[in-house]
N, C-alpha and C. Protein backbone atom coordinates (compact mmCIF):
# COMPACT_ATOMS: atom_id res chain seq x y z
N UNK A 1 43.12 66.26 42.31
CA UNK A 1 44.07 67.20 41.71
C UNK A 1 44.12 66.60 39.57
N UNK A 2 43.39 65.05 40.04
CA UNK A 2 44.40 64.45 38.80
C UNK A 2 43.04 64.91 37.55
N UNK A 3 41.59 65.22 38.24
CA UNK A 3 40.26 65.83 37.77
C UNK A 3 40.81 67.32 37.11
N UNK A 4 42.12 68.62 37.79
CA UNK A 4 41.76 69.34 37.83
C UNK A 4 43.02 69.77 36.76
N UNK A 5 44.04 68.99 36.69
CA UNK A 5 44.96 68.59 35.41
C UNK A 5 44.46 67.81 34.40
N UNK A 6 43.61 66.77 34.19
CA UNK A 6 42.83 67.13 33.08
C UNK A 6 42.27 67.73 32.66
N UNK A 7 41.24 68.76 33.10
CA UNK A 7 41.06 69.92 32.66
C UNK A 7 41.65 71.33 32.31
N UNK A 8 43.23 71.52 32.16
CA UNK A 8 43.50 72.13 32.24
C UNK A 8 44.39 71.67 30.72
N UNK A 9 44.44 70.82 30.53
CA UNK A 9 44.67 70.05 29.22
C UNK A 9 43.92 70.54 28.11
N UNK A 10 43.12 70.21 28.63
CA UNK A 10 41.21 70.14 27.82
C UNK A 10 41.43 71.37 27.21
N UNK A 11 40.95 72.71 28.40
CA UNK A 11 41.32 73.62 27.64
C UNK A 11 42.34 74.70 26.91
N UNK A 12 43.25 73.79 27.44
CA UNK A 12 44.63 74.20 26.31
C UNK A 12 44.12 73.85 24.54
N UNK A 13 43.50 72.28 24.85
CA UNK A 13 43.79 71.84 23.81
C UNK A 13 42.38 72.89 22.49
N UNK A 14 41.48 73.28 23.63
CA UNK A 14 40.26 73.75 23.09
C UNK A 14 40.74 75.30 22.75
N UNK A 15 42.21 75.55 22.97
CA UNK A 15 42.48 77.43 23.13
C UNK A 15 42.18 78.31 21.38
N UNK A 16 42.68 76.98 20.30
CA UNK A 16 42.31 77.63 19.05
C UNK A 16 41.15 77.14 18.43
N UNK A 17 40.39 76.63 18.93
CA UNK A 17 39.08 76.26 18.08
C UNK A 17 37.91 77.24 18.10
N UNK A 18 37.34 77.34 17.58
CA UNK A 18 36.39 78.08 17.01
C UNK A 18 34.97 77.75 17.86
N UNK A 19 33.94 78.16 18.02
CA UNK A 19 32.53 77.91 18.29
C UNK A 19 31.71 76.65 17.38
N UNK A 20 31.89 76.35 16.46
CA UNK A 20 31.78 75.44 15.29
C UNK A 20 32.24 74.49 15.50
N UNK A 21 33.39 74.38 15.97
CA UNK A 21 34.51 73.33 15.77
C UNK A 21 34.39 72.41 17.44
N UNK A 22 34.00 72.95 18.60
CA UNK A 22 34.14 72.84 19.55
C UNK A 22 33.25 71.19 19.47
N UNK A 23 31.75 71.60 19.40
CA UNK A 23 30.92 70.31 19.88
C UNK A 23 31.41 69.17 19.39
N UNK A 24 32.00 68.74 18.34
CA UNK A 24 32.81 67.85 17.28
C UNK A 24 33.97 67.50 18.38
N UNK A 25 34.86 68.33 18.48
CA UNK A 25 35.88 68.41 19.61
C UNK A 25 35.69 67.55 20.30
N UNK A 26 34.86 67.74 21.08
CA UNK A 26 34.08 67.64 22.43
C UNK A 26 33.63 65.95 22.85
N UNK A 27 33.03 65.79 21.73
CA UNK A 27 32.41 64.16 21.27
C UNK A 27 33.49 63.60 21.17
N UNK A 28 34.70 64.23 20.78
CA UNK A 28 35.50 63.03 20.23
C UNK A 28 36.38 62.57 21.33
N UNK A 29 36.24 63.57 22.64
CA UNK A 29 37.60 63.45 23.59
C UNK A 29 36.72 62.53 24.31
N UNK A 30 35.26 62.00 24.06
CA UNK A 30 35.32 61.18 25.46
C UNK A 30 34.02 61.65 26.46
N UNK A 31 32.91 61.07 27.00
CA UNK A 31 32.10 61.09 27.69
C UNK A 31 32.22 62.51 28.84
N UNK A 32 33.29 62.35 29.42
CA UNK A 32 33.56 63.13 30.36
C UNK A 32 33.35 64.75 29.76
N UNK A 33 34.62 64.93 28.87
CA UNK A 33 34.54 66.12 28.21
C UNK A 33 33.31 66.57 27.23
N UNK A 34 32.67 65.88 27.30
CA UNK A 34 31.46 66.20 26.32
C UNK A 34 30.51 66.98 27.46
N UNK A 35 30.23 66.22 28.32
CA UNK A 35 29.23 66.40 30.01
C UNK A 35 29.86 68.35 29.98
N UNK A 36 31.39 68.36 29.82
CA UNK A 36 31.52 69.77 30.67
C UNK A 36 32.24 70.71 29.69
N UNK A 37 31.68 70.03 28.55
CA UNK A 37 32.22 70.87 26.76
C UNK A 37 32.20 72.18 27.04
N UNK A 38 31.01 72.79 27.39
CA UNK A 38 30.67 74.07 27.66
C UNK A 38 31.25 75.06 28.55
N UNK A 39 32.13 74.46 29.54
CA UNK A 39 31.85 75.15 30.60
C UNK A 39 33.89 75.37 30.09
N UNK A 40 34.54 74.08 29.96
CA UNK A 40 36.02 73.68 29.44
C UNK A 40 36.12 75.17 28.26
N UNK A 41 35.30 75.03 27.62
CA UNK A 41 34.96 76.04 26.17
C UNK A 41 35.64 77.73 27.28
N UNK A 42 34.63 78.04 27.60
CA UNK A 42 34.65 79.09 28.12
C UNK A 42 35.90 79.84 28.61
N UNK A 43 36.28 78.54 29.71
CA UNK A 43 37.24 79.19 30.59
C UNK A 43 38.86 79.26 29.93
N UNK A 44 38.22 78.68 28.28
CA UNK A 44 39.89 78.69 27.48
C UNK A 44 40.25 80.45 27.81
N UNK A 45 39.28 81.60 27.63
CA UNK A 45 39.40 82.78 28.06
C UNK A 45 39.39 83.81 29.55
N UNK A 46 39.50 82.54 30.21
CA UNK A 46 39.44 82.96 31.70
C UNK A 46 40.74 83.52 32.20
N UNK A 47 41.42 85.39 32.23
CA UNK A 47 42.30 85.60 32.60
C UNK A 47 43.06 84.70 34.09
N UNK A 48 41.75 83.65 35.38
CA UNK A 48 42.11 83.97 36.22
C UNK A 48 41.70 82.43 36.89
N UNK A 49 42.92 81.88 37.54
CA UNK A 49 42.03 80.42 38.01
C UNK A 49 42.08 80.82 38.79
N UNK A 50 40.55 79.50 40.15
CA UNK A 50 40.62 79.97 41.45
C UNK A 50 41.17 78.58 42.01
N UNK A 51 41.44 78.51 43.41
CA UNK A 51 41.50 76.96 43.62
C UNK A 51 43.01 76.04 43.04
N UNK A 52 43.61 76.45 42.77
CA UNK A 52 44.69 75.61 42.52
C UNK A 52 46.33 75.83 43.95
N UNK A 53 45.90 74.80 44.34
CA UNK A 53 46.69 74.49 45.57
C UNK A 53 47.54 73.51 45.45
N UNK A 54 48.17 73.52 44.49
CA UNK A 54 49.18 72.67 44.18
C UNK A 54 50.39 73.40 43.13
N UNK A 55 51.37 73.13 43.37
CA UNK A 55 52.93 73.50 42.76
C UNK A 55 52.32 72.97 41.56
N UNK A 56 51.65 71.64 41.04
CA UNK A 56 51.78 71.02 40.00
C UNK A 56 51.20 71.53 38.96
N UNK A 57 49.52 71.62 39.56
CA UNK A 57 48.49 72.66 38.80
C UNK A 57 49.36 74.00 38.22
N UNK A 58 50.08 74.44 39.13
CA UNK A 58 50.42 75.67 38.42
C UNK A 58 51.27 75.60 37.09
N UNK A 59 52.37 75.04 37.08
CA UNK A 59 53.20 74.47 36.59
C UNK A 59 52.63 73.68 35.29
N UNK A 60 51.85 73.11 35.27
CA UNK A 60 50.81 72.65 34.10
C UNK A 60 50.03 73.89 33.35
N UNK A 61 49.50 74.78 33.89
CA UNK A 61 48.52 75.48 33.36
C UNK A 61 49.68 76.82 32.63
N UNK A 62 50.61 76.67 33.69
CA UNK A 62 52.07 77.40 32.93
C UNK A 62 52.60 77.35 31.65
N UNK A 63 52.33 75.91 31.61
CA UNK A 63 53.24 75.53 30.27
C UNK A 63 51.90 75.09 29.20
N UNK A 64 51.07 75.01 29.49
CA UNK A 64 50.31 74.78 28.22
C UNK A 64 49.26 75.52 28.00
N UNK A 65 48.83 77.11 29.03
CA UNK A 65 48.50 77.69 28.50
C UNK A 65 48.84 79.11 28.13
N UNK A 66 49.93 79.24 28.74
CA UNK A 66 50.35 80.36 28.30
C UNK A 66 51.29 80.02 26.97
N UNK A 67 51.02 81.75 26.18
CA UNK A 67 51.27 81.79 24.50
C UNK A 67 53.06 81.43 24.81
């Protein structure tokens, strides 16, 4: 679950970035984020997320991803 929570936070940080800003952002966030950069960037526009089996994940996604 910590990995999923970190992914949600990273997706939230990418919400307002453009395609041209994303590479620099990911490289500055460390090797784990850089390795998953494209997947995380594309996830910022996903309307529904699967495999959320913990209330903490739901709460965090609601807090950081919804406008």
